[in-house]
Amino acid sequence: MKLPERNWQRSSFCPEGGNNCVEVAATHRNGVSIRESESPAAIVATSRAALRALLLGVKAGEIELPRL
C-alpha cells in the first residue's frame, strides 16, 4: 500500500541542508506523522493531542530525556 504524499515540516533547530532533523506532517483525522530525516521510511503516527502532551511534558521538565 502506497502512503499519500505528506507536507513534511522540519524543526526550526535543523540546520539548512541538514540530514539529522525531526520532521512532522499532519495527517487526516487529527493525526500527526513524525520521522527523522536520516531515516525517512521509519514513520511514527500519533494523535495531535498525544504529541502536544509529550511536548508540554518535556518543556515542563516532567519527562527525563536520555543523555546522548
N, C-alpha and C. Protein backbone atom coordinates (compact mmCIF):
# COMPACT_ATOMS: atom_id res chain seq x y z
N MET A 1 0.84 -1.18 0.00
CA MET A 1 0.00 0.00 0.00
C MET A 1 0.88 1.24 0.00
N LYS A 2 0.65 2.12 -0.91
CA LYS A 2 1.42 3.35 -1.00
C LYS A 2 0.78 4.43 -0.13
N LEU A 3 1.60 5.07 0.70
CA LEU A 3 1.10 6.14 1.55
C LEU A 3 0.93 7.42 0.75
N PRO A 4 -0.06 8.24 1.09
CA PRO A 4 -0.22 9.51 0.38
C PRO A 4 0.94 10.44 0.68
N GLU A 5 1.23 11.33 -0.26
CA GLU A 5 2.29 12.32 -0.06
C GLU A 5 1.92 13.22 1.10
N ARG A 6 2.91 13.60 1.88
CA ARG A 6 2.68 14.48 3.03
C ARG A 6 3.53 15.72 2.89
N ASN A 7 3.08 16.77 3.52
CA ASN A 7 3.83 18.02 3.54
C ASN A 7 4.68 18.03 4.81
N TRP A 8 5.89 17.49 4.73
CA TRP A 8 6.76 17.38 5.89
C TRP A 8 7.35 18.73 6.24
N GLN A 9 7.34 19.04 7.52
CA GLN A 9 7.91 20.29 8.04
C GLN A 9 9.09 19.92 8.95
N ARG A 10 10.21 20.59 8.76
CA ARG A 10 11.39 20.33 9.58
C ARG A 10 11.42 21.23 10.80
N SER A 11 12.07 20.76 11.82
CA SER A 11 12.26 21.54 13.03
C SER A 11 13.02 22.82 12.71
N SER A 12 12.70 23.89 13.40
CA SER A 12 13.42 25.16 13.21
C SER A 12 14.85 25.07 13.72
N PHE A 13 15.16 24.03 14.49
CA PHE A 13 16.52 23.82 15.00
C PHE A 13 17.40 23.06 14.01
N CYS A 14 16.82 22.63 12.91
CA CYS A 14 17.56 21.86 11.91
C CYS A 14 18.36 22.82 11.03
N PRO A 15 19.67 22.57 10.91
CA PRO A 15 20.46 23.43 10.04
C PRO A 15 20.06 23.24 8.58
N GLU A 16 20.21 24.27 7.79
CA GLU A 16 19.87 24.22 6.37
C GLU A 16 20.62 23.09 5.70
N GLY A 17 19.90 22.21 5.04
CA GLY A 17 20.51 21.09 4.34
C GLY A 17 20.94 19.96 5.25
N GLY A 18 20.61 20.06 6.55
CA GLY A 18 20.99 19.01 7.49
C GLY A 18 20.24 17.72 7.23
N ASN A 19 20.81 16.61 7.65
CA ASN A 19 20.17 15.32 7.42
C ASN A 19 19.99 14.56 8.73
N ASN A 20 19.83 15.27 9.82
CA ASN A 20 19.58 14.65 11.11
C ASN A 20 18.56 15.52 11.85
N CYS A 21 17.38 15.59 11.27
CA CYS A 21 16.36 16.52 11.74
C CYS A 21 15.03 15.80 12.01
N VAL A 22 14.26 16.36 12.91
CA VAL A 22 12.91 15.87 13.16
C VAL A 22 11.99 16.53 12.14
N GLU A 23 11.11 15.73 11.54
CA GLU A 23 10.13 16.24 10.59
C GLU A 23 8.74 15.77 11.01
N VAL A 24 7.75 16.64 10.88
CA VAL A 24 6.37 16.28 11.20
C VAL A 24 5.47 16.63 10.03
N ALA A 25 4.37 15.89 9.93
CA ALA A 25 3.38 16.15 8.89
C ALA A 25 1.99 15.85 9.45
N ALA A 26 1.06 16.72 9.14
CA ALA A 26 -0.33 16.50 9.54
C ALA A 26 -0.92 15.40 8.67
N THR A 27 -1.77 14.57 9.29
CA THR A 27 -2.47 13.54 8.55
C THR A 27 -3.97 13.75 8.75
N HIS A 28 -4.75 12.91 8.17
CA HIS A 28 -6.20 13.05 8.30
C HIS A 28 -6.67 12.72 9.72
N ARG A 29 -7.80 13.17 10.09
CA ARG A 29 -8.44 12.88 11.38
C ARG A 29 -7.57 13.24 12.59
N ASN A 30 -7.01 14.43 12.58
CA ASN A 30 -6.22 14.95 13.71
C ASN A 30 -4.99 14.12 14.03
N GLY A 31 -4.44 13.47 13.05
CA GLY A 31 -3.24 12.68 13.25
C GLY A 31 -1.98 13.46 12.88
N VAL A 32 -0.86 12.95 13.35
CA VAL A 32 0.44 13.54 13.06
C VAL A 32 1.41 12.40 12.77
N SER A 33 2.23 12.58 11.76
CA SER A 33 3.31 11.64 11.47
C SER A 33 4.63 12.31 11.81
N ILE A 34 5.55 11.54 12.38
CA ILE A 34 6.85 12.04 12.79
C ILE A 34 7.91 11.13 12.22
N ARG A 35 9.00 11.72 11.73
CA ARG A 35 10.11 10.92 11.23
C ARG A 35 11.41 11.68 11.43
N GLU A 36 12.50 10.96 11.29
CA GLU A 36 13.83 11.56 11.33
C GLU A 36 14.31 11.63 9.88
N SER A 37 14.84 12.76 9.47
CA SER A 37 15.23 12.93 8.08
C SER A 37 16.29 11.93 7.65
N GLU A 38 17.07 11.44 8.60
CA GLU A 38 18.11 10.46 8.29
C GLU A 38 17.51 9.10 7.94
N SER A 39 16.31 8.80 8.44
CA SER A 39 15.62 7.53 8.16
C SER A 39 14.16 7.82 7.80
N PRO A 40 13.91 8.40 6.63
CA PRO A 40 12.56 8.85 6.29
C PRO A 40 11.51 7.76 6.15
N ALA A 41 11.93 6.52 5.97
CA ALA A 41 10.94 5.43 5.84
C ALA A 41 10.37 5.01 7.18
N ALA A 42 11.06 5.33 8.28
CA ALA A 42 10.60 4.97 9.62
C ALA A 42 9.70 6.09 10.15
N ILE A 43 8.41 5.89 10.06
CA ILE A 43 7.44 6.92 10.42
C ILE A 43 6.65 6.48 11.65
N VAL A 44 6.51 7.38 12.60
CA VAL A 44 5.70 7.13 13.79
C VAL A 44 4.42 7.96 13.65
N ALA A 45 3.28 7.33 13.82
CA ALA A 45 2.00 8.02 13.73
C ALA A 45 1.40 8.15 15.12
N THR A 46 0.84 9.31 15.41
CA THR A 46 0.20 9.55 16.70
C THR A 46 -0.89 10.60 16.52
N SER A 47 -1.56 10.92 17.60
CA SER A 47 -2.58 11.96 17.55
C SER A 47 -1.95 13.30 17.89
N ARG A 48 -2.59 14.37 17.48
CA ARG A 48 -2.10 15.71 17.84
C ARG A 48 -2.13 15.90 19.35
N ALA A 49 -3.14 15.37 20.00
CA ALA A 49 -3.26 15.51 21.45
C ALA A 49 -2.11 14.81 22.17
N ALA A 50 -1.74 13.62 21.72
CA ALA A 50 -0.63 12.89 22.34
C ALA A 50 0.70 13.60 22.12
N LEU A 51 0.93 14.12 20.92
CA LEU A 51 2.16 14.85 20.64
C LEU A 51 2.23 16.13 21.47
N ARG A 52 1.12 16.82 21.58
CA ARG A 52 1.06 18.04 22.39
C ARG A 52 1.38 17.73 23.85
N ALA A 53 0.80 16.66 24.39
CA ALA A 53 1.06 16.28 25.77
C ALA A 53 2.53 15.94 25.98
N LEU A 54 3.14 15.25 25.03
CA LEU A 54 4.56 14.92 25.12
C LEU A 54 5.40 16.20 25.14
N LEU A 55 5.15 17.11 24.21
CA LEU A 55 5.93 18.35 24.14
C LEU A 55 5.75 19.20 25.39
N LEU A 56 4.53 19.30 25.89
CA LEU A 56 4.31 20.07 27.12
C LEU A 56 5.02 19.43 28.30
N GLY A 57 5.02 18.10 28.37
CA GLY A 57 5.72 17.40 29.44
C GLY A 57 7.22 17.62 29.39
N VAL A 58 7.79 17.59 28.19
CA VAL A 58 9.23 17.83 28.03
C VAL A 58 9.57 19.26 28.44
N LYS A 59 8.79 20.22 27.96
CA LYS A 59 9.05 21.63 28.29
C LYS A 59 8.91 21.90 29.79
N ALA A 60 8.01 21.21 30.45
CA ALA A 60 7.79 21.41 31.88
C ALA A 60 8.78 20.63 32.74
N GLY A 61 9.64 19.83 32.11
CA GLY A 61 10.61 19.05 32.85
C GLY A 61 10.03 17.81 33.49
N GLU A 62 8.85 17.39 33.04
CA GLU A 62 8.19 16.22 33.62
C GLU A 62 8.69 14.92 33.00
N ILE A 63 9.41 15.01 31.88
CA ILE A 63 9.91 13.83 31.20
C ILE A 63 11.42 13.93 31.15
N GLU A 64 12.08 12.92 31.69
CA GLU A 64 13.54 12.92 31.70
C GLU A 64 14.04 12.41 30.36
N LEU A 65 14.83 13.23 29.70
CA LEU A 65 15.37 12.85 28.40
C LEU A 65 16.70 12.12 28.59
N PRO A 66 16.97 11.12 27.75
CA PRO A 66 18.24 10.41 27.87
C PRO A 66 19.41 11.30 27.47
N ARG A 67 20.52 11.11 28.10
CA ARG A 67 21.73 11.86 27.74
C ARG A 67 22.43 11.11 26.62
N LEU A 68 22.81 11.86 25.61
CA LEU A 68 23.49 11.25 24.46
C LEU A 68 24.98 11.43 24.56
